[in-house]
């Protein structure tokens, strides 16, 4: 996922627009450019959120492990999809390395599980 994130960062800054990609597991990864910063989001669709109480459970997991998951902020979009988003400062749009580590991206995945 780190390589895909680097590609999305490049596309978002090149086009000065949100870049998004559906992942094999049904999640959506997006990058929203903001000057020299960006918002990175990982989300699940409204259709995927069918089980009752999953949003509350996500918030409990985040609260229980703020040191690991606290940088990911929950957001619900108008279409009912739910994302965890994180601000990335000083993004290098031409960079080769992902601004987020595999463990940071894994924390986002766990929040949405």
PDB file of N, CA and C in Angstrom:
ATOM      1  N   UNK A   1       0.829  -1.194   0.000  1.00  0.00           N
ATOM      2  CA  UNK A   1       0.000   0.000   0.000  1.00  0.00           C
ATOM      3  C   UNK A   1       0.870   1.254   0.000  1.00  0.00           C
ATOM      4  N   UNK A   2       2.108   1.133   0.522  1.00  0.00           N
ATOM      5  CA  UNK A   2       2.980   2.305   0.570  1.00  0.00           C
ATOM      6  C   UNK A   2       3.318   2.808  -0.835  1.00  0.00           C
ATOM      7  N   UNK A   3       3.567   1.885  -1.763  1.00  0.00           N
ATOM      8  CA  UNK A   3       3.876   2.293  -3.140  1.00  0.00           C
ATOM      9  C   UNK A   3       2.684   2.984  -3.786  1.00  0.00           C
ATOM     10  N   UNK A   4       1.508   2.452  -3.556  1.00  0.00           N
ATOM     11  CA  UNK A   4       0.303   3.079  -4.090  1.00  0.00           C
ATOM     12  C   UNK A   4       0.120   4.470  -3.500  1.00  0.00           C
ATOM     13  N   UNK A   5       0.383   4.628  -2.229  1.00  0.00           N
ATOM     14  CA  UNK A   5       0.274   5.938  -1.590  1.00  0.00           C
ATOM     15  C   UNK A   5       1.214   6.942  -2.243  1.00  0.00           C
ATOM     16  N   UNK A   6       2.451   6.537  -2.521  1.00  0.00           N
ATOM     17  CA  UNK A   6       3.411   7.425  -3.193  1.00  0.00           C
ATOM     18  C   UNK A   6       2.874   7.826  -4.568  1.00  0.00           C
ATOM     19  N   UNK A   7       2.315   6.884  -5.313  1.00  0.00           N
ATOM     20  CA  UNK A   7       1.757   7.185  -6.636  1.00  0.00           C
ATOM     21  C   UNK A   7       0.587   8.158  -6.531  1.00  0.00           C
ATOM     22  N   UNK A   8      -0.280   7.955  -5.536  1.00  0.00           N
ATOM     23  CA  UNK A   8      -1.424   8.849  -5.354  1.00  0.00           C
ATOM     24  C   UNK A   8      -0.979  10.248  -4.949  1.00  0.00           C
ATOM     25  N   UNK A   9       0.049  10.345  -4.129  1.00  0.00           N
ATOM     26  CA  UNK A   9       0.575  11.663  -3.747  1.00  0.00           C
ATOM     27  C   UNK A   9       1.061  12.395  -4.988  1.00  0.00           C
ATOM     28  N   UNK A  10       1.821  11.716  -5.810  1.00  0.00           N
ATOM     29  CA  UNK A  10       2.309  12.341  -7.047  1.00  0.00           C
ATOM     30  C   UNK A  10       1.151  12.824  -7.912  1.00  0.00           C
ATOM     31  N   UNK A  11       0.154  11.973  -8.110  1.00  0.00           N
ATOM     32  CA  UNK A  11      -0.996  12.330  -8.951  1.00  0.00           C
ATOM     33  C   UNK A  11      -1.780  13.492  -8.355  1.00  0.00           C
ATOM     34  N   UNK A  12      -1.996  13.470  -7.051  1.00  0.00           N
ATOM     35  CA  UNK A  12      -2.779  14.527  -6.401  1.00  0.00           C
ATOM     36  C   UNK A  12      -2.103  15.875  -6.538  1.00  0.00           C
ATOM     37  N   UNK A  13      -0.801  15.923  -6.340  1.00  0.00           N
ATOM     38  CA  UNK A  13      -0.091  17.197  -6.438  1.00  0.00           C
ATOM     39  C   UNK A  13       0.094  17.638  -7.882  1.00  0.00           C
ATOM     40  N   UNK A  14       0.275  16.688  -8.784  1.00  0.00           N
ATOM     41  CA  UNK A  14       0.403  17.036 -10.203  1.00  0.00           C
ATOM     42  C   UNK A  14      -0.894  17.646 -10.729  1.00  0.00           C
ATOM     43  N   UNK A  15      -2.042  17.064 -10.356  1.00  0.00           N
ATOM     44  CA  UNK A  15      -3.342  17.524 -10.841  1.00  0.00           C
ATOM     45  C   UNK A  15      -3.989  18.561  -9.921  1.00  0.00           C
ATOM     46  N   UNK A  16      -3.405  18.743  -8.737  1.00  0.00           N
ATOM     47  CA  UNK A  16      -3.985  19.613  -7.712  1.00  0.00           C
ATOM     48  C   UNK A  16      -5.448  19.253  -7.460  1.00  0.00           C
ATOM     49  N   UNK A  17      -5.660  17.957  -7.259  1.00  0.00           N
ATOM     50  CA  UNK A  17      -7.002  17.420  -7.037  1.00  0.00           C
ATOM     51  C   UNK A  17      -6.884  16.143  -6.220  1.00  0.00           C
ATOM     52  N   UNK A  18      -7.994  15.709  -5.665  1.00  0.00           N
ATOM     53  CA  UNK A  18      -8.008  14.463  -4.907  1.00  0.00           C
ATOM     54  C   UNK A  18      -7.667  13.305  -5.837  1.00  0.00           C
ATOM     55  N   UNK A  19      -6.777  12.451  -5.369  1.00  0.00           N
ATOM     56  CA  UNK A  19      -6.444  11.216  -6.086  1.00  0.00           C
ATOM     57  C   UNK A  19      -6.914  10.055  -5.218  1.00  0.00           C
ATOM     58  N   UNK A  20      -7.612   9.116  -5.813  1.00  0.00           N
ATOM     59  CA  UNK A  20      -8.160   7.995  -5.047  1.00  0.00           C
ATOM     60  C   UNK A  20      -7.997   6.708  -5.834  1.00  0.00           C
ATOM     61  N   UNK A  21      -7.922   5.610  -5.083  1.00  0.00           N
ATOM     62  CA  UNK A  21      -7.793   4.294  -5.701  1.00  0.00           C
ATOM     63  C   UNK A  21      -8.504   3.271  -4.830  1.00  0.00           C
ATOM     64  N   UNK A  22      -9.312   2.433  -5.464  1.00  0.00           N
ATOM     65  CA  UNK A  22      -9.931   1.320  -4.750  1.00  0.00           C
ATOM     66  C   UNK A  22      -8.878   0.239  -4.543  1.00  0.00           C
ATOM     67  N   UNK A  23      -8.877  -0.354  -3.363  1.00  0.00           N
ATOM     68  CA  UNK A  23      -7.939  -1.426  -3.032  1.00  0.00           C
ATOM     69  C   UNK A  23      -8.610  -2.778  -3.244  1.00  0.00           C
ATOM     70  N   UNK A  24      -7.825  -3.817  -3.315  1.00  0.00           N
ATOM     71  CA  UNK A  24      -8.347  -5.163  -3.548  1.00  0.00           C
ATOM     72  C   UNK A  24      -9.318  -5.603  -2.457  1.00  0.00           C
ATOM     73  N   UNK A  25      -9.135  -5.112  -1.242  1.00  0.00           N
ATOM     74  CA  UNK A  25     -10.009  -5.509  -0.130  1.00  0.00           C
ATOM     75  C   UNK A  25     -11.292  -4.675  -0.060  1.00  0.00           C
ATOM     76  N   UNK A  26     -11.523  -3.814  -1.055  1.00  0.00           N
ATOM     77  CA  UNK A  26     -12.731  -3.003  -1.087  1.00  0.00           C
ATOM     78  C   UNK A  26     -12.585  -1.637  -0.448  1.00  0.00           C
ATOM     79  N   UNK A  27     -11.490  -1.405   0.239  1.00  0.00           N
ATOM     80  CA  UNK A  27     -11.248  -0.093   0.845  1.00  0.00           C
ATOM     81  C   UNK A  27     -10.877   0.911  -0.237  1.00  0.00           C
ATOM     82  N   UNK A  28     -10.934   2.181   0.109  1.00  0.00           N
ATOM     83  CA  UNK A  28     -10.576   3.265  -0.797  1.00  0.00           C
ATOM     84  C   UNK A  28      -9.442   4.054  -0.148  1.00  0.00           C
ATOM     85  N   UNK A  29      -8.364   4.283  -0.872  1.00  0.00           N
ATOM     86  CA  UNK A  29      -7.247   5.099  -0.408  1.00  0.00           C
ATOM     87  C   UNK A  29      -7.291   6.403  -1.176  1.00  0.00           C
ATOM     88  N   UNK A  30      -7.176   7.527  -0.468  1.00  0.00           N
ATOM     89  CA  UNK A  30      -7.211   8.811  -1.155  1.00  0.00           C
ATOM     90  C   UNK A  30      -6.185   9.763  -0.584  1.00  0.00           C
ATOM     91  N   UNK A  31      -5.806  10.739  -1.427  1.00  0.00           N
ATOM     92  CA  UNK A  31      -4.890  11.810  -1.043  1.00  0.00           C
ATOM     93  C   UNK A  31      -5.508  13.116  -1.491  1.00  0.00           C
ATOM     94  N   UNK A  32      -5.595  14.062  -0.559  1.00  0.00           N
ATOM     95  CA  UNK A  32      -6.138  15.393  -0.827  1.00  0.00           C
ATOM     96  C   UNK A  32      -5.010  16.393  -0.616  1.00  0.00           C
ATOM     97  N   UNK A  33      -4.499  17.028  -1.685  1.00  0.00           N
ATOM     98  CA  UNK A  33      -3.376  17.958  -1.529  1.00  0.00           C
ATOM     99  C   UNK A  33      -3.825  19.283  -0.913  1.00  0.00           C
ATOM    100  N   UNK A  34      -2.970  19.821  -0.047  1.00  0.00           N
ATOM    101  CA  UNK A  34      -3.247  21.101   0.626  1.00  0.00           C
ATOM    102  C   UNK A  34      -1.936  21.878   0.739  1.00  0.00           C
ATOM    103  N   UNK A  35      -1.571  22.599  -0.296  1.00  0.00           N
ATOM    104  CA  UNK A  35      -0.308  23.329  -0.268  1.00  0.00           C
ATOM    105  C   UNK A  35       0.856  22.354  -0.225  1.00  0.00           C
ATOM    106  N   UNK A  36       1.677  22.445   0.826  1.00  0.00           N
ATOM    107  CA  UNK A  36       2.801  21.512   0.982  1.00  0.00           C
ATOM    108  C   UNK A  36       2.424  20.333   1.873  1.00  0.00           C
ATOM    109  N   UNK A  37       1.167  20.265   2.279  1.00  0.00           N
ATOM    110  CA  UNK A  37       0.668  19.178   3.115  1.00  0.00           C
ATOM    111  C   UNK A  37      -0.360  18.374   2.333  1.00  0.00           C
ATOM    112  N   UNK A  38      -0.822  17.299   2.953  1.00  0.00           N
ATOM    113  CA  UNK A  38      -1.870  16.489   2.330  1.00  0.00           C
ATOM    114  C   UNK A  38      -2.675  15.793   3.407  1.00  0.00           C
ATOM    115  N   UNK A  39      -3.912  15.488   3.071  1.00  0.00           N
ATOM    116  CA  UNK A  39      -4.719  14.585   3.887  1.00  0.00           C
ATOM    117  C   UNK A  39      -4.686  13.229   3.200  1.00  0.00           C
ATOM    118  N   UNK A  40      -4.397  12.211   3.976  1.00  0.00           N
ATOM    119  CA  UNK A  40      -4.439  10.833   3.480  1.00  0.00           C
ATOM    120  C   UNK A  40      -5.620  10.175   4.169  1.00  0.00           C
ATOM    121  N   UNK A  41      -6.433   9.490   3.405  1.00  0.00           N
ATOM    122  CA  UNK A  41      -7.594   8.822   3.970  1.00  0.00           C
ATOM    123  C   UNK A  41      -7.710   7.390   3.489  1.00  0.00           C
ATOM    124  N   UNK A  42      -8.187   6.554   4.387  1.00  0.00           N
ATOM    125  CA  UNK A  42      -8.512   5.175   4.051  1.00  0.00           C
ATOM    126  C   UNK A  42      -9.950   4.968   4.472  1.00  0.00           C
ATOM    127  N   UNK A  43     -10.787   4.465   3.559  1.00  0.00           N
ATOM    128  CA  UNK A  43     -12.203   4.409   3.868  1.00  0.00           C
ATOM    129  C   UNK A  43     -12.884   3.127   3.469  1.00  0.00           C
ATOM    130  N   UNK A  44     -14.100   3.029   3.980  1.00  0.00           N
ATOM    131  CA  UNK A  44     -14.978   1.922   3.626  1.00  0.00           C
ATOM    132  C   UNK A  44     -16.317   2.501   3.211  1.00  0.00           C
ATOM    133  N   UNK A  45     -16.950   1.846   2.264  1.00  0.00           N
ATOM    134  CA  UNK A  45     -18.198   2.354   1.702  1.00  0.00           C
ATOM    135  C   UNK A  45     -19.365   2.178   2.669  1.00  0.00           C
ATOM    136  N   UNK A  46     -20.428   2.895   2.382  1.00  0.00           N
ATOM    137  CA  UNK A  46     -21.648   2.778   3.178  1.00  0.00           C
ATOM    138  C   UNK A  46     -22.165   1.340   3.137  1.00  0.00           C
ATOM    139  N   UNK A  47     -22.090   0.708   1.975  1.00  0.00           N
ATOM    140  CA  UNK A  47     -22.574  -0.666   1.819  1.00  0.00           C
ATOM    141  C   UNK A  47     -21.778  -1.640   2.684  1.00  0.00           C
ATOM    142  N   UNK A  48     -20.511  -1.385   2.861  1.00  0.00           N
ATOM    143  CA  UNK A  48     -19.664  -2.273   3.648  1.00  0.00           C
ATOM    144  C   UNK A  48     -19.951  -2.158   5.142  1.00  0.00           C
ATOM    145  N   UNK A  49     -20.526  -1.060   5.552  1.00  0.00           N
ATOM    146  CA  UNK A  49     -20.752  -0.820   6.973  1.00  0.00           C
ATOM    147  C   UNK A  49     -22.058  -1.356   7.487  1.00  0.00           C
ATOM    148  N   UNK A  50     -22.521  -2.479   6.987  1.00  0.00           N
ATOM    149  CA  UNK A  50     -23.824  -3.011   7.336  1.00  0.00           C
ATOM    150  C   UNK A  50     -24.011  -3.474   8.766  1.00  0.00           C
ATOM    151  N   UNK A  51     -22.978  -4.023   9.408  1.00  0.00           N
ATOM    152  CA  UNK A  51     -23.163  -4.565  10.745  1.00  0.00           C
ATOM    153  C   UNK A  51     -23.375  -3.439  11.760  1.00  0.00           C
ATOM    154  N   UNK A  52     -24.312  -3.676  12.647  1.00  0.00           N
ATOM    155  CA  UNK A  52     -24.676  -2.662  13.642  1.00  0.00           C
ATOM    156  C   UNK A  52     -23.532  -2.465  14.627  1.00  0.00           C
ATOM    157  N   UNK A  53     -23.287  -1.233  14.973  1.00  0.00           N
ATOM    158  CA  UNK A  53     -22.337  -0.912  16.024  1.00  0.00           C
ATOM    159  C   UNK A  53     -20.874  -0.888  15.621  1.00  0.00           C
ATOM    160  N   UNK A  54     -20.546  -1.099  14.342  1.00  0.00           N
ATOM    161  CA  UNK A  54     -19.131  -1.148  13.969  1.00  0.00           C
ATOM    162  C   UNK A  54     -18.463   0.211  14.133  1.00  0.00           C
ATOM    163  N   UNK A  55     -19.199   1.290  13.880  1.00  0.00           N
ATOM    164  CA  UNK A  55     -18.614   2.627  14.016  1.00  0.00           C
ATOM    165  C   UNK A  55     -18.249   2.907  15.473  1.00  0.00           C
ATOM    166  N   UNK A  56     -19.143   2.542  16.391  1.00  0.00           N
ATOM    167  CA  UNK A  56     -18.854   2.718  17.814  1.00  0.00           C
ATOM    168  C   UNK A  56     -17.659   1.880  18.238  1.00  0.00           C
ATOM    169  N   UNK A  57     -17.562   0.663  17.704  1.00  0.00           N
ATOM    170  CA  UNK A  57     -16.424  -0.207  18.015  1.00  0.00           C
ATOM    171  C   UNK A  57     -15.126   0.391  17.484  1.00  0.00           C
ATOM    172  N   UNK A  58     -15.178   0.985  16.296  1.00  0.00           N
ATOM    173  CA  UNK A  58     -13.995   1.642  15.746  1.00  0.00           C
ATOM    174  C   UNK A  58     -13.523   2.757  16.680  1.00  0.00           C
ATOM    175  N   UNK A  59     -14.450   3.553  17.155  1.00  0.00           N
ATOM    176  CA  UNK A  59     -14.094   4.644  18.065  1.00  0.00           C
ATOM    177  C   UNK A  59     -13.533   4.112  19.379  1.00  0.00           C
ATOM    178  N   UNK A  60     -14.072   3.006  19.876  1.00  0.00           N
ATOM    179  CA  UNK A  60     -13.528   2.391  21.099  1.00  0.00           C
ATOM    180  C   UNK A  60     -12.096   1.899  20.885  1.00  0.00           C
ATOM    181  N   UNK A  61     -11.851   1.245  19.734  1.00  0.00           N
ATOM    182  CA  UNK A  61     -10.494   0.761  19.437  1.00  0.00           C
ATOM    183  C   UNK A  61      -9.513   1.916  19.354  1.00  0.00           C
ATOM    184  N   UNK A  62      -9.933   2.998  18.719  1.00  0.00           N
ATOM    185  CA  UNK A  62      -9.061   4.169  18.595  1.00  0.00           C
ATOM    186  C   UNK A  62      -8.761   4.753  19.968  1.00  0.00           C
ATOM    187  N   UNK A  63      -9.781   4.908  20.796  1.00  0.00           N
ATOM    188  CA  UNK A  63      -9.609   5.469  22.130  1.00  0.00           C
ATOM    189  C   UNK A  63      -8.735   4.581  23.002  1.00  0.00           C
ATOM    190  N   UNK A  64      -8.878   3.272  22.857  1.00  0.00           N
ATOM    191  CA  UNK A  64      -8.108   2.336  23.678  1.00  0.00           C
ATOM    192  C   UNK A  64      -6.628   2.332  23.312  1.00  0.00           C
ATOM    193  N   UNK A  65      -6.285   2.779  22.110  1.00  0.00           N
ATOM    194  CA  UNK A  65      -4.893   2.763  21.676  1.00  0.00           C
ATOM    195  C   UNK A  65      -4.539   4.066  20.975  1.00  0.00           C
ATOM    196  N   UNK A  66      -4.682   5.178  21.682  1.00  0.00           N
ATOM    197  CA  UNK A  66      -4.424   6.491  21.088  1.00  0.00           C
ATOM    198  C   UNK A  66      -2.976   6.660  20.645  1.00  0.00           C
ATOM    199  N   UNK A  67      -2.049   6.040  21.336  1.00  0.00           N
ATOM    200  CA  UNK A  67      -0.642   6.168  20.956  1.00  0.00           C
ATOM    201  C   UNK A  67      -0.400   5.642  19.539  1.00  0.00           C
ATOM    202  N   UNK A  68      -1.093   4.583  19.170  1.00  0.00           N
ATOM    203  CA  UNK A  68      -0.907   3.970  17.852  1.00  0.00           C
ATOM    204  C   UNK A  68      -1.912   4.463  16.811  1.00  0.00           C
ATOM    205  N   UNK A  69      -3.143   4.723  17.228  1.00  0.00           N
ATOM    206  CA  UNK A  69      -4.208   5.018  16.282  1.00  0.00           C
ATOM    207  C   UNK A  69      -4.748   6.443  16.368  1.00  0.00           C
ATOM    208  N   UNK A  70      -4.276   7.202  17.320  1.00  0.00           N
ATOM    209  CA  UNK A  70      -4.841   8.519  17.579  1.00  0.00           C
ATOM    210  C   UNK A  70      -4.658   9.548  16.482  1.00  0.00           C
ATOM    211  N   UNK A  71      -3.645   9.377  15.623  1.00  0.00           N
ATOM    212  CA  UNK A  71      -3.437  10.336  14.530  1.00  0.00           C
ATOM    213  C   UNK A  71      -4.464  10.174  13.408  1.00  0.00           C
ATOM    214  N   UNK A  72      -5.141   9.026  13.390  1.00  0.00           N
ATOM    215  CA  UNK A  72      -6.180   8.781  12.382  1.00  0.00           C
ATOM    216  C   UNK A  72      -7.510   9.296  12.922  1.00  0.00           C
ATOM    217  N   UNK A  73      -8.097  10.257  12.226  1.00  0.00           N
ATOM    218  CA  UNK A  73      -9.355  10.865  12.660  1.00  0.00           C
ATOM    219  C   UNK A  73     -10.513  10.330  11.826  1.00  0.00           C
ATOM    220  N   UNK A  74     -11.589   9.879  12.471  1.00  0.00           N
ATOM    221  CA  UNK A  74     -12.739   9.373  11.723  1.00  0.00           C
ATOM    222  C   UNK A  74     -13.510  10.501  11.047  1.00  0.00           C
ATOM    223  N   UNK A  75     -14.018  10.195   9.865  1.00  0.00           N
ATOM    224  CA  UNK A  75     -14.833  11.159   9.120  1.00  0.00           C
ATOM    225  C   UNK A  75     -15.888  10.400   8.331  1.00  0.00           C
ATOM    226  N   UNK A  76     -17.130  10.892   8.371  1.00  0.00           N
ATOM    227  CA  UNK A  76     -18.195  10.301   7.565  1.00  0.00           C
ATOM    228  C   UNK A  76     -18.538  11.282   6.456  1.00  0.00           C
ATOM    229  N   UNK A  77     -18.530  10.805   5.231  1.00  0.00           N
ATOM    230  CA  UNK A  77     -18.839  11.645   4.078  1.00  0.00           C
ATOM    231  C   UNK A  77     -20.340  11.643   3.805  1.00  0.00           C
ATOM    232  N   UNK A  78     -20.770  12.556   2.968  1.00  0.00           N
ATOM    233  CA  UNK A  78     -22.197  12.721   2.672  1.00  0.00           C
ATOM    234  C   UNK A  78     -22.813  11.459   2.080  1.00  0.00           C
ATOM    235  N   UNK A  79     -22.018  10.634   1.385  1.00  0.00           N
ATOM    236  CA  UNK A  79     -22.557   9.409   0.787  1.00  0.00           C
ATOM    237  C   UNK A  79     -22.650   8.257   1.781  1.00  0.00           C
ATOM    238  N   UNK A  80     -22.273   8.495   3.042  1.00  0.00           N
ATOM    239  CA  UNK A  80     -22.351   7.475   4.073  1.00  0.00           C
ATOM    240  C   UNK A  80     -21.082   6.663   4.240  1.00  0.00           C
ATOM    241  N   UNK A  81     -20.089   6.892   3.394  1.00  0.00           N
ATOM    242  CA  UNK A  81     -18.823   6.185   3.562  1.00  0.00           C
ATOM    243  C   UNK A  81     -18.078   6.747   4.771  1.00  0.00           C
ATOM    244  N   UNK A  82     -17.259   5.913   5.366  1.00  0.00           N
ATOM    245  CA  UNK A  82     -16.506   6.301   6.557  1.00  0.00           C
ATOM    246  C   UNK A  82     -15.023   6.168   6.255  1.00  0.00           C
ATOM    247  N   UNK A  83     -14.284   7.214   6.568  1.00  0.00           N
ATOM    248  CA  UNK A  83     -12.842   7.251   6.366  1.00  0.00           C
ATOM    249  C   UNK A  83     -12.153   7.534   7.679  1.00  0.00           C
ATOM    250  N   UNK A  84     -10.916   7.084   7.770  1.00  0.00           N
ATOM    251  CA  UNK A  84     -10.005   7.597   8.785  1.00  0.00           C
ATOM    252  C   UNK A  84      -8.994   8.420   8.003  1.00  0.00           C
ATOM    253  N   UNK A  85      -8.775   9.647   8.453  1.00  0.00           N
ATOM    254  CA  UNK A  85      -7.916  10.582   7.724  1.00  0.00           C
ATOM    255  C   UNK A  85      -6.785  11.047   8.621  1.00  0.00           C
ATOM    256  N   UNK A  86      -5.723  11.438   7.975  1.00  0.00           N
ATOM    257  CA  UNK A  86      -4.532  11.873   8.697  1.00  0.00           C
ATOM    258  C   UNK A  86      -3.826  12.950   7.883  1.00  0.00           C
ATOM    259  N   UNK A  87      -3.400  14.012   8.546  1.00  0.00           N
ATOM    260  CA  UNK A  87      -2.665  15.086   7.881  1.00  0.00           C
ATOM    261  C   UNK A  87      -1.190  14.716   7.824  1.00  0.00           C
ATOM    262  N   UNK A  88      -0.617  14.900   6.649  1.00  0.00           N
ATOM    263  CA  UNK A  88       0.801  14.654   6.438  1.00  0.00           C
ATOM    264  C   UNK A  88       1.441  15.998   6.117  1.00  0.00           C
ATOM    265  N   UNK A  89       2.377  16.431   6.954  1.00  0.00           N
ATOM    266  CA  UNK A  89       3.054  17.708   6.764  1.00  0.00           C
ATOM    267  C   UNK A  89       4.273  17.533   5.868  1.00  0.00           C
ATOM    268  N   UNK A  90       4.622  18.587   5.166  1.00  0.00           N
ATOM    269  CA  UNK A  90       5.839  18.645   4.348  1.00  0.00           C
ATOM    270  C   UNK A  90       5.942  17.468   3.395  1.00  0.00           C
ATOM    271  N   UNK A  91       4.926  17.274   2.589  1.00  0.00           N
ATOM    272  CA  UNK A  91       4.910  16.187   1.612  1.00  0.00           C
ATOM    273  C   UNK A  91       5.848  16.540   0.464  1.00  0.00           C
ATOM    274  N   UNK A  92       6.654  15.588   0.066  1.00  0.00           N
ATOM    275  CA  UNK A  92       7.504  15.731  -1.116  1.00  0.00           C
ATOM    276  C   UNK A  92       6.815  15.010  -2.267  1.00  0.00           C
ATOM    277  N   UNK A  93       6.107  15.753  -3.134  1.00  0.00           N
ATOM    278  CA  UNK A  93       5.346  15.097  -4.198  1.00  0.00           C
ATOM    279  C   UNK A  93       6.210  14.318  -5.189  1.00  0.00           C
ATOM    280  N   UNK A  94       7.505  14.590  -5.225  1.00  0.00           N
ATOM    281  CA  UNK A  94       8.392  13.851  -6.123  1.00  0.00           C
ATOM    282  C   UNK A  94       9.144  12.753  -5.385  1.00  0.00           C
ATOM    283  N   UNK A  95       8.879  12.606  -4.105  1.00  0.00           N
ATOM    284  CA  UNK A  95       9.616  11.643  -3.283  1.00  0.00           C
ATOM    285  C   UNK A  95       9.339  10.205  -3.656  1.00  0.00           C
ATOM    286  N   UNK A  96      10.264   9.355  -3.275  1.00  0.00           N
ATOM    287  CA  UNK A  96      10.155   7.922  -3.533  1.00  0.00           C
ATOM    288  C   UNK A  96       9.625   7.156  -2.330  1.00  0.00           C
ATOM    289  N   UNK A  97       9.782   7.727  -1.144  1.00  0.00           N
ATOM    290  CA  UNK A  97       9.399   7.026   0.082  1.00  0.00           C
ATOM    291  C   UNK A  97       8.002   7.451   0.522  1.00  0.00           C
ATOM    292  N   UNK A  98       7.271   6.498   1.062  1.00  0.00           N
ATOM    293  CA  UNK A  98       5.942   6.772   1.600  1.00  0.00           C
ATOM    294  C   UNK A  98       6.077   7.600   2.876  1.00  0.00           C
ATOM    295  N   UNK A  99       5.243   8.624   3.036  1.00  0.00           N
ATOM    296  CA  UNK A  99       5.294   9.410   4.273  1.00  0.00           C
ATOM    297  C   UNK A  99       4.708   8.661   5.471  1.00  0.00           C
ATOM    298  N   UNK A 100       4.060   7.532   5.222  1.00  0.00           N
ATOM    299  CA  UNK A 100       3.493   6.709   6.290  1.00  0.00           C
ATOM    300  C   UNK A 100       4.138   5.332   6.255  1.00  0.00           C
ATOM    301  N   UNK A 101       4.452   4.836   7.426  1.00  0.00           N
ATOM    302  CA  UNK A 101       5.065   3.510   7.528  1.00  0.00           C
ATOM    303  C   UNK A 101       4.009   2.427   7.348  1.00  0.00           C
ATOM    304  N   UNK A 102       4.444   1.209   7.070  1.00  0.00           N
ATOM    305  CA  UNK A 102       3.488   0.102   6.982  1.00  0.00           C
ATOM    306  C   UNK A 102       2.662  -0.055   8.264  1.00  0.00           C
ATOM    307  N   UNK A 103       3.277   0.149   9.435  1.00  0.00           N
ATOM    308  CA  UNK A 103       2.522   0.011  10.686  1.00  0.00           C
ATOM    309  C   UNK A 103       1.490   1.120  10.855  1.00  0.00           C
ATOM    310  N   UNK A 104       1.778   2.315  10.355  1.00  0.00           N
ATOM    311  CA  UNK A 104       0.789   3.399  10.418  1.00  0.00           C
ATOM    312  C   UNK A 104      -0.402   3.106   9.505  1.00  0.00           C
ATOM    313  N   UNK A 105      -0.126   2.582   8.326  1.00  0.00           N
ATOM    314  CA  UNK A 105      -1.210   2.208   7.417  1.00  0.00           C
ATOM    315  C   UNK A 105      -1.987   1.012   7.959  1.00  0.00           C
ATOM    316  N   UNK A 106      -1.305   0.093   8.621  1.00  0.00           N
ATOM    317  CA  UNK A 106      -1.968  -1.049   9.238  1.00  0.00           C
ATOM    318  C   UNK A 106      -2.918  -0.597  10.337  1.00  0.00           C
ATOM    319  N   UNK A 107      -2.530   0.421  11.098  1.00  0.00           N
ATOM    320  CA  UNK A 107      -3.413   0.948  12.145  1.00  0.00           C
ATOM    321  C   UNK A 107      -4.706   1.471  11.542  1.00  0.00           C
ATOM    322  N   UNK A 108      -4.619   2.144  10.392  1.00  0.00           N
ATOM    323  CA  UNK A 108      -5.824   2.625   9.710  1.00  0.00           C
ATOM    324  C   UNK A 108      -6.701   1.458   9.287  1.00  0.00           C
ATOM    325  N   UNK A 109      -6.082   0.415   8.727  1.00  0.00           N
ATOM    326  CA  UNK A 109      -6.829  -0.787   8.321  1.00  0.00           C
ATOM    327  C   UNK A 109      -7.543  -1.409   9.511  1.00  0.00           C
ATOM    328  N   UNK A 110      -6.847  -1.506  10.640  1.00  0.00           N
ATOM    329  CA  UNK A 110      -7.441  -2.102  11.824  1.00  0.00           C
ATOM    330  C   UNK A 110      -8.618  -1.287  12.316  1.00  0.00           C
ATOM    331  N   UNK A 111      -8.525   0.018  12.227  1.00  0.00           N
ATOM    332  CA  UNK A 111      -9.653   0.846  12.653  1.00  0.00           C
ATOM    333  C   UNK A 111     -10.899   0.565  11.839  1.00  0.00           C
ATOM    334  N   UNK A 112     -10.728   0.307  10.563  1.00  0.00           N
ATOM    335  CA  UNK A 112     -11.866   0.089   9.674  1.00  0.00           C
ATOM    336  C   UNK A 112     -12.359  -1.347   9.659  1.00  0.00           C
ATOM    337  N   UNK A 113     -11.657  -2.251  10.322  1.00  0.00           N
ATOM    338  CA  UNK A 113     -12.043  -3.670  10.344  1.00  0.00           C
ATOM    339  C   UNK A 113     -13.241  -3.913  11.216  1.00  0.00           C
TER     340      UNK A 113
END
